Amino acid sequence: LFGGDIEEAIDPALALELFHNFTLIHDDIMDEAPIRRGQPTVH
């Protein structure tokens, strides 16, 4: 949006995706959720 180099934003984008999935793994454990994205949760 601000005319930056997309390649320079790839690393923080990867960081956000990993952080998000980290929270999903732990949330699913706390919620005792059996399914995530149509498949068994990690735990």
PDB file of all heavy atoms in Angstrom:
ATOM      1  N   LEU A   1       0.818  -1.211   0.000  1.00  0.00           N
ATOM      2  CA  LEU A   1       0.000   0.000   0.000  1.00  0.00           C
ATOM      3  C   LEU A   1       0.854   1.264   0.000  1.00  0.00           C
ATOM      4  O   LEU A   1       0.486   2.280  -0.599  1.00  0.00           O
ATOM      5  CB  LEU A   1      -0.925  -0.001   1.223  1.00  0.00           C
ATOM      6  CG  LEU A   1      -1.863   1.197   1.394  1.00  0.00           C
ATOM      7  CD1 LEU A   1      -2.839   1.289   0.229  1.00  0.00           C
ATOM      8  CD2 LEU A   1      -2.626   1.092   2.710  1.00  0.00           C
ATOM      9  N   PHE A   2       2.022   1.185   0.655  1.00  0.00           N
ATOM     10  CA  PHE A   2       2.884   2.362   0.767  1.00  0.00           C
ATOM     11  C   PHE A   2       4.095   2.285  -0.172  1.00  0.00           C
ATOM     12  O   PHE A   2       5.086   2.998   0.021  1.00  0.00           O
ATOM     13  CB  PHE A   2       3.331   2.539   2.219  1.00  0.00           C
ATOM     14  CG  PHE A   2       2.177   2.831   3.134  1.00  0.00           C
ATOM     15  CD1 PHE A   2       1.607   1.822   3.898  1.00  0.00           C
ATOM     16  CD2 PHE A   2       1.627   4.101   3.201  1.00  0.00           C
ATOM     17  CE1 PHE A   2       0.522   2.083   4.729  1.00  0.00           C
ATOM     18  CE2 PHE A   2       0.544   4.373   4.020  1.00  0.00           C
ATOM     19  CZ  PHE A   2      -0.012   3.355   4.786  1.00  0.00           C
ATOM     20  N   GLY A   3       4.000   1.412  -1.164  1.00  0.00           N
ATOM     21  CA  GLY A   3       5.031   1.365  -2.191  1.00  0.00           C
ATOM     22  C   GLY A   3       6.307   0.689  -1.774  1.00  0.00           C
ATOM     23  O   GLY A   3       7.359   0.913  -2.399  1.00  0.00           O
ATOM     24  N   GLY A   4       6.250  -0.142  -0.745  1.00  0.00           N
ATOM     25  CA  GLY A   4       7.454  -0.830  -0.290  1.00  0.00           C
ATOM     26  C   GLY A   4       7.806  -2.024  -1.146  1.00  0.00           C
ATOM     27  O   GLY A   4       7.035  -2.450  -2.006  1.00  0.00           O
ATOM     28  N   ASP A   5       8.998  -2.579  -0.888  1.00  0.00           N
ATOM     29  CA  ASP A   5       9.486  -3.761  -1.591  1.00  0.00           C
ATOM     30  C   ASP A   5       8.869  -4.991  -0.924  1.00  0.00           C
ATOM     31  O   ASP A   5       9.142  -5.281   0.244  1.00  0.00           O
ATOM     32  CB  ASP A   5      11.016  -3.817  -1.511  1.00  0.00           C
ATOM     33  CG  ASP A   5      11.604  -4.990  -2.287  1.00  0.00           C
ATOM     34  OD1 ASP A   5      10.835  -5.861  -2.737  1.00  0.00           O
ATOM     35  OD2 ASP A   5      12.840  -5.043  -2.410  1.00  0.00           O
ATOM     36  N   ILE A   6       8.050  -5.721  -1.661  1.00  0.00           N
ATOM     37  CA  ILE A   6       7.354  -6.883  -1.113  1.00  0.00           C
ATOM     38  C   ILE A   6       8.338  -7.908  -0.551  1.00  0.00           C
ATOM     39  O   ILE A   6       8.073  -8.536   0.481  1.00  0.00           O
ATOM     40  CB  ILE A   6       6.456  -7.548  -2.185  1.00  0.00           C
ATOM     41  CG1 ILE A   6       5.391  -6.569  -2.674  1.00  0.00           C
ATOM     42  CG2 ILE A   6       5.801  -8.813  -1.633  1.00  0.00           C
ATOM     43  CD1 ILE A   6       4.450  -6.106  -1.600  1.00  0.00           C
ATOM     44  N   GLU A   7       9.466  -8.077  -1.209  1.00  0.00           N
ATOM     45  CA  GLU A   7      10.452  -9.065  -0.754  1.00  0.00           C
ATOM     46  C   GLU A   7      10.928  -8.765   0.673  1.00  0.00           C
ATOM     47  O   GLU A   7      11.209  -9.683   1.439  1.00  0.00           O
ATOM     48  CB  GLU A   7      11.640  -9.115  -1.715  1.00  0.00           C
ATOM     49  CG  GLU A   7      11.339  -9.798  -3.038  1.00  0.00           C
ATOM     50  CD  GLU A   7      10.926 -11.256  -2.873  1.00  0.00           C
ATOM     51  OE1 GLU A   7      11.501 -11.938  -2.007  1.00  0.00           O
ATOM     52  OE2 GLU A   7      10.008 -11.700  -3.598  1.00  0.00           O
ATOM     53  N   GLU A   8      10.996  -7.479   1.007  1.00  0.00           N
ATOM     54  CA  GLU A   8      11.443  -7.113   2.352  1.00  0.00           C
ATOM     55  C   GLU A   8      10.387  -7.410   3.413  1.00  0.00           C
ATOM     56  O   GLU A   8      10.697  -7.447   4.613  1.00  0.00           O
ATOM     57  CB  GLU A   8      11.822  -5.628   2.390  1.00  0.00           C
ATOM     58  CG  GLU A   8      13.048  -5.311   1.554  1.00  0.00           C
ATOM     59  CD  GLU A   8      13.462  -3.844   1.665  1.00  0.00           C
ATOM     60  OE1 GLU A   8      12.861  -3.121   2.494  1.00  0.00           O
ATOM     61  OE2 GLU A   8      14.376  -3.432   0.940  1.00  0.00           O
ATOM     62  N   ALA A   9       9.162  -7.629   2.979  1.00  0.00           N
ATOM     63  CA  ALA A   9       8.078  -7.928   3.912  1.00  0.00           C
ATOM     64  C   ALA A   9       7.839  -9.424   4.072  1.00  0.00           C
ATOM     65  O   ALA A   9       7.019  -9.828   4.911  1.00  0.00           O
ATOM     66  CB  ALA A   9       6.787  -7.252   3.446  1.00  0.00           C
ATOM     67  N   ILE A  10       8.555 -10.255   3.301  1.00  0.00           N
ATOM     68  CA  ILE A  10       8.334 -11.705   3.360  1.00  0.00           C
ATOM     69  C   ILE A  10       8.703 -12.271   4.736  1.00  0.00           C
ATOM     70  O   ILE A  10       7.963 -13.091   5.303  1.00  0.00           O
ATOM     71  CB  ILE A  10       9.125 -12.436   2.250  1.00  0.00           C
ATOM     72  CG1 ILE A  10       8.525 -12.126   0.871  1.00  0.00           C
ATOM     73  CG2 ILE A  10       9.153 -13.938   2.502  1.00  0.00           C
ATOM     74  CD1 ILE A  10       7.134 -12.704   0.657  1.00  0.00           C
ATOM     75  N   ASP A  11       9.842 -11.841   5.281  1.00  0.00           N
ATOM     76  CA  ASP A  11      10.262 -12.386   6.578  1.00  0.00           C
ATOM     77  C   ASP A  11       9.270 -12.071   7.696  1.00  0.00           C
ATOM     78  O   ASP A  11       8.883 -12.979   8.446  1.00  0.00           O
ATOM     79  CB  ASP A  11      11.672 -11.896   6.943  1.00  0.00           C
ATOM     80  CG  ASP A  11      12.757 -12.619   6.147  1.00  0.00           C
ATOM     81  OD1 ASP A  11      12.542 -13.788   5.789  1.00  0.00           O
ATOM     82  OD2 ASP A  11      13.806 -12.009   5.889  1.00  0.00           O
ATOM     83  N   PRO A  12       8.828 -10.812   7.873  1.00  0.00           N
ATOM     84  CA  PRO A  12       7.809 -10.584   8.894  1.00  0.00           C
ATOM     85  C   PRO A  12       6.488 -11.287   8.584  1.00  0.00           C
ATOM     86  O   PRO A  12       5.757 -11.665   9.509  1.00  0.00           O
ATOM     87  CB  PRO A  12       7.653  -9.060   8.915  1.00  0.00           C
ATOM     88  CG  PRO A  12       8.255  -8.566   7.650  1.00  0.00           C
ATOM     89  CD  PRO A  12       9.316  -9.546   7.293  1.00  0.00           C
ATOM     90  N   ALA A  13       6.182 -11.482   7.295  1.00  0.00           N
ATOM     91  CA  ALA A  13       4.969 -12.227   6.941  1.00  0.00           C
ATOM     92  C   ALA A  13       5.084 -13.678   7.391  1.00  0.00           C
ATOM     93  O   ALA A  13       4.131 -14.258   7.935  1.00  0.00           O
ATOM     94  CB  ALA A  13       4.725 -12.158   5.435  1.00  0.00           C
ATOM     95  N   LEU A  14       6.243 -14.276   7.185  1.00  0.00           N
ATOM     96  CA  LEU A  14       6.484 -15.633   7.671  1.00  0.00           C
ATOM     97  C   LEU A  14       6.368 -15.684   9.190  1.00  0.00           C
ATOM     98  O   LEU A  14       5.798 -16.628   9.756  1.00  0.00           O
ATOM     99  CB  LEU A  14       7.865 -16.114   7.230  1.00  0.00           C
ATOM    100  CG  LEU A  14       8.020 -16.458   5.741  1.00  0.00           C
ATOM    101  CD1 LEU A  14       9.494 -16.530   5.357  1.00  0.00           C
ATOM    102  CD2 LEU A  14       7.319 -17.771   5.419  1.00  0.00           C
ATOM    103  N   ALA A  15       6.890 -14.661   9.850  1.00  0.00           N
ATOM    104  CA  ALA A  15       6.810 -14.604  11.314  1.00  0.00           C
ATOM    105  C   ALA A  15       5.368 -14.584  11.791  1.00  0.00           C
ATOM    106  O   ALA A  15       4.999 -15.290  12.734  1.00  0.00           O
ATOM    107  CB  ALA A  15       7.553 -13.373  11.828  1.00  0.00           C
ATOM    108  N   LEU A  16       4.523 -13.792  11.135  1.00  0.00           N
ATOM    109  CA  LEU A  16       3.118 -13.698  11.539  1.00  0.00           C
ATOM    110  C   LEU A  16       2.388 -15.021  11.303  1.00  0.00           C
ATOM    111  O   LEU A  16       1.546 -15.426  12.112  1.00  0.00           O
ATOM    112  CB  LEU A  16       2.426 -12.563  10.793  1.00  0.00           C
ATOM    113  CG  LEU A  16       2.325 -11.212  11.527  1.00  0.00           C
ATOM    114  CD1 LEU A  16       1.355 -11.290  12.686  1.00  0.00           C
ATOM    115  CD2 LEU A  16       3.693 -10.735  12.013  1.00  0.00           C
ATOM    116  N   GLU A  17       2.698 -15.702  10.203  1.00  0.00           N
ATOM    117  CA  GLU A  17       2.046 -16.990   9.932  1.00  0.00           C
ATOM    118  C   GLU A  17       2.463 -18.045  10.958  1.00  0.00           C
ATOM    119  O   GLU A  17       1.630 -18.826  11.439  1.00  0.00           O
ATOM    120  CB  GLU A  17       2.372 -17.466   8.515  1.00  0.00           C
ATOM    121  CG  GLU A  17       1.714 -18.771   8.130  1.00  0.00           C
ATOM    122  CD  GLU A  17       0.199 -18.708   8.018  1.00  0.00           C
ATOM    123  OE1 GLU A  17      -0.399 -17.619   8.209  1.00  0.00           O
ATOM    124  OE2 GLU A  17      -0.414 -19.760   7.748  1.00  0.00           O
ATOM    125  N   LEU A  18       3.735 -18.058  11.312  1.00  0.00           N
ATOM    126  CA  LEU A  18       4.194 -19.009  12.323  1.00  0.00           C
ATOM    127  C   LEU A  18       3.601 -18.689  13.687  1.00  0.00           C
ATOM    128  O   LEU A  18       3.168 -19.597  14.413  1.00  0.00           O
ATOM    129  CB  LEU A  18       5.722 -19.002  12.394  1.00  0.00           C
ATOM    130  CG  LEU A  18       6.439 -19.559  11.173  1.00  0.00           C
ATOM    131  CD1 LEU A  18       7.941 -19.419  11.329  1.00  0.00           C
ATOM    132  CD2 LEU A  18       6.069 -21.018  10.942  1.00  0.00           C
ATOM    133  N   PHE A  19       3.566 -17.421  14.035  1.00  0.00           N
ATOM    134  CA  PHE A  19       2.971 -17.042  15.326  1.00  0.00           C
ATOM    135  C   PHE A  19       1.497 -17.428  15.367  1.00  0.00           C
ATOM    136  O   PHE A  19       1.010 -17.963  16.372  1.00  0.00           O
ATOM    137  CB  PHE A  19       3.124 -15.541  15.567  1.00  0.00           C
ATOM    138  CG  PHE A  19       2.429 -15.076  16.819  1.00  0.00           C
ATOM    139  CD1 PHE A  19       2.982 -15.318  18.066  1.00  0.00           C
ATOM    140  CD2 PHE A  19       1.206 -14.424  16.757  1.00  0.00           C
ATOM    141  CE1 PHE A  19       2.335 -14.917  19.227  1.00  0.00           C
ATOM    142  CE2 PHE A  19       0.546 -14.014  17.903  1.00  0.00           C
ATOM    143  CZ  PHE A  19       1.119 -14.265  19.150  1.00  0.00           C
ATOM    144  N   HIS A  20       0.778 -17.157  14.291  1.00  0.00           N
ATOM    145  CA  HIS A  20      -0.648 -17.489  14.248  1.00  0.00           C
ATOM    146  C   HIS A  20      -0.865 -18.988  14.438  1.00  0.00           C
ATOM    147  O   HIS A  20      -1.728 -19.410  15.218  1.00  0.00           O
ATOM    148  CB  HIS A  20      -1.230 -17.032  12.909  1.00  0.00           C
ATOM    149  CG  HIS A  20      -2.647 -17.446  12.694  1.00  0.00           C
ATOM    150  ND1 HIS A  20      -3.664 -17.127  13.573  1.00  0.00           N
ATOM    151  CD2 HIS A  20      -3.233 -18.177  11.705  1.00  0.00           C
ATOM    152  CE1 HIS A  20      -4.809 -17.629  13.142  1.00  0.00           C
ATOM    153  NE2 HIS A  20      -4.574 -18.275  12.016  1.00  0.00           N
ATOM    154  N   ASN A  21      -0.072 -19.799  13.758  1.00  0.00           N
ATOM    155  CA  ASN A  21      -0.236 -21.245  13.882  1.00  0.00           C
ATOM    156  C   ASN A  21       0.200 -21.755  15.252  1.00  0.00           C
ATOM    157  O   ASN A  21      -0.373 -22.719  15.773  1.00  0.00           O
ATOM    158  CB  ASN A  21       0.515 -21.958  12.762  1.00  0.00           C
ATOM    159  CG  ASN A  21      -0.249 -21.933  11.454  1.00  0.00           C
ATOM    160  OD1 ASN A  21      -1.112 -22.764  11.206  1.00  0.00           O
ATOM    161  ND2 ASN A  21       0.047 -20.948  10.614  1.00  0.00           N
ATOM    162  N   PHE A  22       1.181 -21.112  15.844  1.00  0.00           N
ATOM    163  CA  PHE A  22       1.549 -21.408  17.241  1.00  0.00           C
ATOM    164  C   PHE A  22       0.352 -21.202  18.168  1.00  0.00           C
ATOM    165  O   PHE A  22       0.043 -22.051  19.009  1.00  0.00           O
ATOM    166  CB  PHE A  22       2.729 -20.521  17.641  1.00  0.00           C
ATOM    167  CG  PHE A  22       2.765 -20.110  19.088  1.00  0.00           C
ATOM    168  CD1 PHE A  22       3.109 -21.011  20.082  1.00  0.00           C
ATOM    169  CD2 PHE A  22       2.465 -18.802  19.450  1.00  0.00           C
ATOM    170  CE1 PHE A  22       3.143 -20.618  21.423  1.00  0.00           C
ATOM    171  CE2 PHE A  22       2.495 -18.403  20.772  1.00  0.00           C
ATOM    172  CZ  PHE A  22       2.837 -19.311  21.768  1.00  0.00           C
ATOM    173  N   THR A  23      -0.358 -20.089  17.989  1.00  0.00           N
ATOM    174  CA  THR A  23      -1.529 -19.842  18.841  1.00  0.00           C
ATOM    175  C   THR A  23      -2.633 -20.857  18.570  1.00  0.00           C
ATOM    176  O   THR A  23      -3.335 -21.267  19.499  1.00  0.00           O
ATOM    177  CB  THR A  23      -2.081 -18.414  18.651  1.00  0.00           C
ATOM    178  OG1 THR A  23      -2.610 -18.258  17.327  1.00  0.00           O
ATOM    179  CG2 THR A  23      -1.016 -17.357  18.914  1.00  0.00           C
ATOM    180  N   LEU A  24      -2.790 -21.276  17.316  1.00  0.00           N
ATOM    181  CA  LEU A  24      -3.828 -22.257  16.990  1.00  0.00           C
ATOM    182  C   LEU A  24      -3.557 -23.588  17.677  1.00  0.00           C
ATOM    183  O   LEU A  24      -4.478 -24.228  18.208  1.00  0.00           O
ATOM    184  CB  LEU A  24      -3.922 -22.458  15.478  1.00  0.00           C
ATOM    185  CG  LEU A  24      -4.360 -21.264  14.633  1.00  0.00           C
ATOM    186  CD1 LEU A  24      -4.466 -21.675  13.161  1.00  0.00           C
ATOM    187  CD2 LEU A  24      -5.683 -20.693  15.118  1.00  0.00           C
ATOM    188  N   ILE A  25      -2.312 -24.032  17.644  1.00  0.00           N
ATOM    189  CA  ILE A  25      -1.955 -25.301  18.290  1.00  0.00           C
ATOM    190  C   ILE A  25      -2.307 -25.260  19.770  1.00  0.00           C
ATOM    191  O   ILE A  25      -2.933 -26.178  20.312  1.00  0.00           O
ATOM    192  CB  ILE A  25      -0.456 -25.609  18.102  1.00  0.00           C
ATOM    193  CG1 ILE A  25      -0.146 -25.925  16.638  1.00  0.00           C
ATOM    194  CG2 ILE A  25      -0.036 -26.790  18.984  1.00  0.00           C
ATOM    195  CD1 ILE A  25       1.336 -26.110  16.344  1.00  0.00           C
ATOM    196  N   HIS A  26      -1.902 -24.188  20.440  1.00  0.00           N
ATOM    197  CA  HIS A  26      -2.136 -24.081  21.879  1.00  0.00           C
ATOM    198  C   HIS A  26      -3.611 -23.847  22.193  1.00  0.00           C
ATOM    199  O   HIS A  26      -4.147 -24.382  23.172  1.00  0.00           O
ATOM    200  CB  HIS A  26      -1.253 -22.982  22.467  1.00  0.00           C
ATOM    201  CG  HIS A  26       0.192 -23.377  22.576  1.00  0.00           C
ATOM    202  ND1 HIS A  26       1.068 -22.804  23.481  1.00  0.00           N
ATOM    203  CD2 HIS A  26       0.924 -24.299  21.900  1.00  0.00           C
ATOM    204  CE1 HIS A  26       2.257 -23.347  23.362  1.00  0.00           C
ATOM    205  NE2 HIS A  26       2.200 -24.248  22.399  1.00  0.00           N
ATOM    206  N   ASP A  27      -4.293 -23.033  21.382  1.00  0.00           N
ATOM    207  CA  ASP A  27      -5.726 -22.804  21.600  1.00  0.00           C
ATOM    208  C   ASP A  27      -6.510 -24.106  21.469  1.00  0.00           C
ATOM    209  O   ASP A  27      -7.437 -24.367  22.251  1.00  0.00           O
ATOM    210  CB  ASP A  27      -6.275 -21.789  20.587  1.00  0.00           C
ATOM    211  CG  ASP A  27      -5.856 -20.364  20.899  1.00  0.00           C
ATOM    212  OD1 ASP A  27      -5.131 -20.170  21.889  1.00  0.00           O
ATOM    213  OD2 ASP A  27      -6.236 -19.454  20.144  1.00  0.00           O
ATOM    214  N   ASP A  28      -6.159 -24.918  20.477  1.00  0.00           N
ATOM    215  CA  ASP A  28      -6.871 -26.180  20.270  1.00  0.00           C
ATOM    216  C   ASP A  28      -6.690 -27.125  21.456  1.00  0.00           C
ATOM    217  O   ASP A  28      -7.606 -27.878  21.803  1.00  0.00           O
ATOM    218  CB  ASP A  28      -6.396 -26.853  18.977  1.00  0.00           C
ATOM    219  CG  ASP A  28      -6.931 -26.177  17.722  1.00  0.00           C
ATOM    220  OD1 ASP A  28      -7.930 -25.439  17.827  1.00  0.00           O
ATOM    221  OD2 ASP A  28      -6.357 -26.377  16.640  1.00  0.00           O
ATOM    222  N   ILE A  29      -5.511 -27.091  22.062  1.00  0.00           N
ATOM    223  CA  ILE A  29      -5.290 -27.902  23.267  1.00  0.00           C
ATOM    224  C   ILE A  29      -6.183 -27.412  24.395  1.00  0.00           C
ATOM    225  O   ILE A  29      -6.880 -28.201  25.057  1.00  0.00           O
ATOM    226  CB  ILE A  29      -3.805 -27.840  23.697  1.00  0.00           C
ATOM    227  CG1 ILE A  29      -2.920 -28.519  22.655  1.00  0.00           C
ATOM    228  CG2 ILE A  29      -3.615 -28.500  25.065  1.00  0.00           C
ATOM    229  CD1 ILE A  29      -1.439 -28.280  22.861  1.00  0.00           C
ATOM    230  N   MET A  30      -6.197 -26.106  24.618  1.00  0.00           N
ATOM    231  CA  MET A  30      -6.995 -25.532  25.709  1.00  0.00           C
ATOM    232  C   MET A  30      -8.493 -25.726  25.490  1.00  0.00           C
ATOM    233  O   MET A  30      -9.246 -25.941  26.434  1.00  0.00           O
ATOM    234  CB  MET A  30      -6.655 -24.050  25.877  1.00  0.00           C
ATOM    235  CG  MET A  30      -5.282 -23.821  26.475  1.00  0.00           C
ATOM    236  SD  MET A  30      -4.876 -22.068  26.698  1.00  0.00           S
ATOM    237  CE  MET A  30      -4.138 -21.683  25.122  1.00  0.00           C
ATOM    238  N   ASP A  31      -8.917 -25.664  24.222  1.00  0.00           N
ATOM    239  CA  ASP A  31     -10.338 -25.828  23.892  1.00  0.00           C
ATOM    240  C   ASP A  31     -10.734 -27.287  23.705  1.00  0.00           C
ATOM    241  O   ASP A  31     -11.917 -27.582  23.495  1.00  0.00           O
ATOM    242  CB  ASP A  31     -10.675 -25.057  22.612  1.00  0.00           C
ATOM    243  CG  ASP A  31     -10.603 -23.548  22.791  1.00  0.00           C
ATOM    244  OD1 ASP A  31     -10.603 -23.093  23.950  1.00  0.00           O
ATOM    245  OD2 ASP A  31     -10.537 -22.835  21.775  1.00  0.00           O
ATOM    246  N   GLU A  32      -9.732 -28.177  23.737  1.00  0.00           N
ATOM    247  CA  GLU A  32      -9.972 -29.602  23.469  1.00  0.00           C
ATOM    248  C   GLU A  32     -10.658 -29.795  22.114  1.00  0.00           C
ATOM    249  O   GLU A  32     -11.547 -30.631  21.952  1.00  0.00           O
ATOM    250  CB  GLU A  32     -10.797 -30.244  24.589  1.00  0.00           C
ATOM    251  CG  GLU A  32     -10.114 -30.172  25.946  1.00  0.00           C
ATOM    252  CD  GLU A  32     -10.925 -30.815  27.058  1.00  0.00           C
ATOM    253  OE1 GLU A  32     -12.054 -31.274  26.780  1.00  0.00           O
ATOM    254  OE2 GLU A  32     -10.441 -30.855  28.197  1.00  0.00           O
ATOM    255  N   ALA A  33     -10.243 -28.995  21.140  1.00  0.00           N
ATOM    256  CA  ALA A  33     -10.849 -29.031  19.806  1.00  0.00           C
ATOM    257  C   ALA A  33     -10.331 -30.234  19.023  1.00  0.00           C
ATOM    258  O   ALA A  33      -9.115 -30.473  18.977  1.00  0.00           O
ATOM    259  CB  ALA A  33     -10.536 -27.745  19.057  1.00  0.00           C
ATOM    260  N   PRO A  34     -11.209 -30.988  18.365  1.00  0.00           N
ATOM    261  CA  PRO A  34     -10.777 -32.175  17.629  1.00  0.00           C
ATOM    262  C   PRO A  34     -10.387 -31.907  16.176  1.00  0.00           C
ATOM    263  O   PRO A  34      -9.665 -32.703  15.573  1.00  0.00           O
ATOM    264  CB  PRO A  34     -12.010 -33.085  17.681  1.00  0.00           C
ATOM    265  CG  PRO A  34     -13.163 -32.133  17.714  1.00  0.00           C
ATOM    266  CD  PRO A  34     -12.684 -30.924  18.481  1.00  0.00           C
ATOM    267  N   ILE A  35     -10.887 -30.799  15.602  1.00  0.00           N
ATOM    268  CA  ILE A  35     -10.712 -30.561  14.170  1.00  0.00           C
ATOM    269  C   ILE A  35     -10.197 -29.148  13.927  1.00  0.00           C
ATOM    270  O   ILE A  35     -10.637 -28.199  14.557  1.00  0.00           O
ATOM    271  CB  ILE A  35     -12.044 -30.758  13.406  1.00  0.00           C
ATOM    272  CG1 ILE A  35     -12.560 -32.195  13.577  1.00  0.00           C
ATOM    273  CG2 ILE A  35     -11.885 -30.437  11.921  1.00  0.00           C
ATOM    274  CD1 ILE A  35     -13.960 -32.392  13.040  1.00  0.00           C
ATOM    275  N   ARG A  36      -9.269 -29.037  12.982  1.00  0.00           N
ATOM    276  CA  ARG A  36      -8.747 -27.735  12.547  1.00  0.00           C
ATOM    277  C   ARG A  36      -8.555 -27.813  11.038  1.00  0.00           C
ATOM    278  O   ARG A  36      -7.861 -28.699  10.546  1.00  0.00           O
ATOM    279  CB  ARG A  36      -7.422 -27.419  13.254  1.00  0.00           C
ATOM    280  CG  ARG A  36      -6.641 -26.237  12.709  1.00  0.00           C
ATOM    281  CD  ARG A  36      -7.318 -24.918  12.970  1.00  0.00           C
ATOM    282  NE  ARG A  36      -7.443 -24.618  14.389  1.00  0.00           N
ATOM    283  CZ  ARG A  36      -8.019 -23.509  14.863  1.00  0.00           C
ATOM    284  NH1 ARG A  36      -8.520 -22.625  14.004  1.00  0.00           N
ATOM    285  NH2 ARG A  36      -8.112 -23.288  16.161  1.00  0.00           N
ATOM    286  N   ARG A  37      -9.192 -26.913  10.308  1.00  0.00           N
ATOM    287  CA  ARG A  37      -9.100 -26.886   8.850  1.00  0.00           C
ATOM    288  C   ARG A  37      -9.488 -28.229   8.234  1.00  0.00           C
ATOM    289  O   ARG A  37      -8.891 -28.697   7.278  1.00  0.00           O
ATOM    290  CB  ARG A  37      -7.697 -26.475   8.406  1.00  0.00           C
ATOM    291  CG  ARG A  37      -7.342 -25.039   8.804  1.00  0.00           C
ATOM    292  CD  ARG A  37      -5.876 -24.707   8.607  1.00  0.00           C
ATOM    293  NE  ARG A  37      -5.562 -23.359   9.032  1.00  0.00           N
ATOM    294  CZ  ARG A  37      -4.333 -22.930   9.329  1.00  0.00           C
ATOM    295  NH1 ARG A  37      -3.320 -23.751   9.256  1.00  0.00           N
ATOM    296  NH2 ARG A  37      -4.133 -21.684   9.719  1.00  0.00           N
ATOM    297  N   GLY A  38     -10.498 -28.857   8.847  1.00  0.00           N
ATOM    298  CA  GLY A  38     -11.035 -30.096   8.310  1.00  0.00           C
ATOM    299  C   GLY A  38     -10.228 -31.342   8.638  1.00  0.00           C
ATOM    300  O   GLY A  38     -10.577 -32.438   8.197  1.00  0.00           O
ATOM    301  N   GLN A  39      -9.155 -31.199   9.406  1.00  0.00           N
ATOM    302  CA  GLN A  39      -8.287 -32.327   9.751  1.00  0.00           C
ATOM    303  C   GLN A  39      -8.109 -32.395  11.269  1.00  0.00           C
ATOM    304  O   GLN A  39      -8.397 -31.421  11.975  1.00  0.00           O
ATOM    305  CB  GLN A  39      -6.925 -32.176   9.072  1.00  0.00           C
ATOM    306  CG  GLN A  39      -6.978 -32.156   7.548  1.00  0.00           C
ATOM    307  CD  GLN A  39      -7.465 -33.461   6.953  1.00  0.00           C
ATOM    308  OE1 GLN A  39      -7.170 -34.536   7.479  1.00  0.00           O
ATOM    309  NE2 GLN A  39      -8.237 -33.378   5.871  1.00  0.00           N
ATOM    310  N   PRO A  40      -7.635 -33.531  11.782  1.00  0.00           N
ATOM    311  CA  PRO A  40      -7.392 -33.616  13.231  1.00  0.00           C
ATOM    312  C   PRO A  40      -6.439 -32.511  13.696  1.00  0.00           C
ATOM    313  O   PRO A  40      -5.481 -32.176  12.999  1.00  0.00           O
ATOM    314  CB  PRO A  40      -6.759 -35.000  13.403  1.00  0.00           C
ATOM    315  CG  PRO A  40      -7.241 -35.793  12.232  1.00  0.00           C
ATOM    316  CD  PRO A  40      -7.345 -34.812  11.096  1.00  0.00           C
ATOM    317  N   THR A  41      -6.721 -31.940  14.840  1.00  0.00           N
ATOM    318  CA  THR A  41      -5.833 -30.937  15.406  1.00  0.00           C
ATOM    319  C   THR A  41      -4.489 -31.586  15.752  1.00  0.00           C
ATOM    320  O   THR A  41      -4.375 -32.815  15.842  1.00  0.00           O
ATOM    321  CB  THR A  41      -6.450 -30.315  16.661  1.00  0.00           C
ATOM    322  OG1 THR A  41      -6.945 -31.361  17.514  1.00  0.00           O
ATOM    323  CG2 THR A  41      -7.607 -29.397  16.307  1.00  0.00           C
ATOM    324  N   VAL A  42      -3.471 -30.773  15.956  1.00  0.00           N
ATOM    325  CA  VAL A  42      -2.119 -31.295  16.163  1.00  0.00           C
ATOM    326  C   VAL A  42      -2.062 -32.210  17.382  1.00  0.00           C
ATOM    327  O   VAL A  42      -1.450 -33.285  17.335  1.00  0.00           O
ATOM    328  CB  VAL A  42      -1.108 -30.135  16.296  1.00  0.00           C
ATOM    329  CG1 VAL A  42       0.260 -30.661  16.714  1.00  0.00           C
ATOM    330  CG2 VAL A  42      -0.989 -29.374  14.977  1.00  0.00           C
ATOM    331  N   HIS A  43      -2.708 -31.816  18.483  1.00  0.00           N
ATOM    332  CA  HIS A  43      -2.632 -32.657  19.686  1.00  0.00           C
ATOM    333  C   HIS A  43      -3.406 -33.958  19.526  1.00  0.00           C
ATOM    334  O   HIS A  43      -3.119 -34.932  20.231  1.00  0.00           O
ATOM    335  CB  HIS A  43      -3.111 -31.888  20.924  1.00  0.00           C
ATOM    336  CG  HIS A  43      -4.563 -31.564  20.939  1.00  0.00           C
ATOM    337  ND1 HIS A  43      -5.106 -30.530  20.214  1.00  0.00           N
ATOM    338  CD2 HIS A  43      -5.603 -32.134  21.599  1.00  0.00           C
ATOM    339  CE1 HIS A  43      -6.411 -30.473  20.423  1.00  0.00           C
ATOM    340  NE2 HIS A  43      -6.738 -31.436  21.258  1.00  0.00           N
TER     341      HIS A  43
END
